[in-house]
Amino acid sequence: MKSHVKFSKGSRRSARNSFASNRGPTVPPMKDYTPTRNSRRPPFHAEIEAASQMALDSPEFQAFVRDIVNMPVEMAPNVAAAIRQQKWKIAPNPLAVIRTAAHQEAHRTGPDNA
């Protein structure tokens, strides 16, 4: 038994009539891309960059640890290790990332280094 399915041509005609000039649907113009991230650097980015170039025992680095990071000078090696990890570069709050990583590094290395 053959079964023929016959489609109605009405649907094709109605689609043809719904578009102007028989060209098909109009495509909206491409939107300009605007990045969602702010192009400005987060606060203290320049200071952290400068501190990453300083020697660990320099008075400038110890002042950075004490005054900007607000941690005791004894945590300077851990702060330096946290800066070397470079996670702070993509963080919205880089000082918080450095503080957290410094505490984690101190916990990892033990009480003699913290």
Protein backbone atom coordinates (compact mmCIF):
# COMPACT_ATOMS: atom_id res chain seq x y z
CA MET A 1 0.00 0.00 0.00
CA LYS A 2 1.46 3.30 -1.08
CA SER A 3 0.92 6.27 1.08
CA HIS A 4 1.47 9.60 -0.45
CA VAL A 5 1.83 12.57 1.75
CA LYS A 6 0.77 15.69 0.00
CA PHE A 7 1.96 18.98 1.37
CA SER A 8 -0.05 22.09 0.97
CA LYS A 9 1.51 24.82 -1.14
CA GLY A 10 -0.25 27.40 0.93
CA SER A 11 2.52 27.54 3.51
CA ARG A 12 5.09 28.35 0.86
CA ARG A 13 2.99 31.13 -0.59
CA SER A 14 2.30 32.67 2.78
CA ALA A 15 6.02 32.77 3.58
CA ARG A 16 6.70 34.40 0.23
CA ASN A 17 4.13 37.08 0.91
CA SER A 18 5.39 37.85 4.41
CA PHE A 19 8.85 39.04 3.29
CA ALA A 20 9.39 42.19 1.31
CA SER A 21 10.58 41.76 -2.30
CA ASN A 22 10.79 37.96 -1.92
CA ARG A 23 14.30 38.25 -0.47
CA GLY A 24 13.73 36.41 2.76
CA PRO A 25 14.02 37.61 6.33
CA THR A 26 16.15 40.63 7.08
CA VAL A 27 19.28 40.04 9.11
CA PRO A 28 19.96 42.62 11.80
CA PRO A 29 23.26 44.48 11.46
CA MET A 30 26.20 43.25 13.52
CA LYS A 31 26.57 44.89 16.89
CA ASP A 32 29.81 46.57 17.87
CA TYR A 33 31.76 44.54 20.40
CA THR A 34 32.33 46.28 23.68
CA PRO A 35 34.35 44.38 26.29
CA THR A 36 32.58 43.83 29.57
CA ARG A 37 35.76 44.13 31.63
CA ASN A 38 36.97 47.55 32.56
CA SER A 39 40.20 48.45 30.82
CA ARG A 40 41.46 50.36 33.85
CA ARG A 41 43.87 48.53 36.10
CA PRO A 42 42.66 47.74 39.61
CA PRO A 43 44.01 49.83 42.48
CA PHE A 44 47.60 49.20 43.63
CA HIS A 45 48.48 47.40 40.40
CA ALA A 46 51.50 49.66 39.74
CA GLU A 47 52.70 49.33 43.33
CA ILE A 48 52.54 45.53 43.19
CA GLU A 49 54.38 45.53 39.85
CA ALA A 50 57.13 47.69 41.36
CA ALA A 51 57.32 45.51 44.48
CA SER A 52 57.72 42.39 42.33
CA GLN A 53 61.02 43.83 41.06
CA MET A 54 62.38 44.67 44.54
CA ALA A 55 64.73 42.53 46.59
CA LEU A 56 63.10 40.64 49.44
CA ASP A 57 65.25 42.24 52.15
CA SER A 58 65.09 45.80 50.79
CA PRO A 59 63.52 48.42 53.04
CA GLU A 60 61.19 49.45 50.19
CA PHE A 61 59.73 45.93 49.94
CA GLN A 62 59.33 45.70 53.70
CA ALA A 63 57.56 49.07 53.69
CA PHE A 64 55.30 47.75 50.91
CA VAL A 65 54.44 44.67 52.98
CA ARG A 66 53.80 46.73 56.10
CA ASP A 67 52.03 49.80 54.64
CA ILE A 68 50.26 48.69 51.48
CA VAL A 69 49.56 45.00 52.06
CA ASN A 70 49.01 45.65 55.81
CA MET A 71 50.83 42.54 56.94
CA PRO A 72 53.69 42.09 59.41
CA VAL A 73 57.21 42.36 58.01
CA GLU A 74 57.84 38.75 59.06
CA MET A 75 55.41 37.72 56.29
CA ALA A 76 57.58 39.35 53.58
CA PRO A 77 58.85 36.03 52.12
CA ASN A 78 55.27 34.77 51.90
CA VAL A 79 54.09 38.00 50.28
CA ALA A 80 56.91 37.71 47.74
CA ALA A 81 55.85 34.14 46.97
CA ALA A 82 52.25 35.30 46.57
CA ILE A 83 53.32 38.03 44.13
CA ARG A 84 55.34 35.50 42.13
CA GLN A 85 52.20 33.37 41.65
CA GLN A 86 50.75 36.29 39.63
CA LYS A 87 47.14 35.43 40.45
CA TRP A 88 46.72 39.03 41.53
CA LYS A 89 47.00 40.24 37.92
CA ILE A 90 43.53 38.98 36.97
CA ALA A 91 41.80 39.65 40.28
CA PRO A 92 39.43 42.57 40.85
CA ASN A 93 40.98 43.03 44.31
CA PRO A 94 44.68 42.19 43.95
CA LEU A 95 45.66 43.04 47.53
CA ALA A 96 43.13 40.55 48.90
CA VAL A 97 44.53 37.87 46.59
CA ILE A 98 48.06 38.61 47.79
CA ARG A 99 47.02 38.53 51.46
CA THR A 100 45.17 35.23 51.01
CA ALA A 101 48.00 33.63 49.04
CA ALA A 102 50.56 34.85 51.60
CA HIS A 103 48.60 33.24 54.43
CA GLN A 104 48.28 30.02 52.42
CA GLU A 105 52.00 30.06 51.70
CA ALA A 106 52.76 30.61 55.40
CA HIS A 107 50.52 27.68 56.29
CA ARG A 108 52.18 25.52 53.63
CA THR A 109 55.76 26.33 54.70
CA GLY A 110 55.11 25.94 58.40
CA PRO A 111 55.43 28.08 61.53
CA ASP A 112 59.18 28.69 61.20
CA ASN A 113 58.70 30.84 58.08
CA ALA A 114 55.58 32.76 59.13
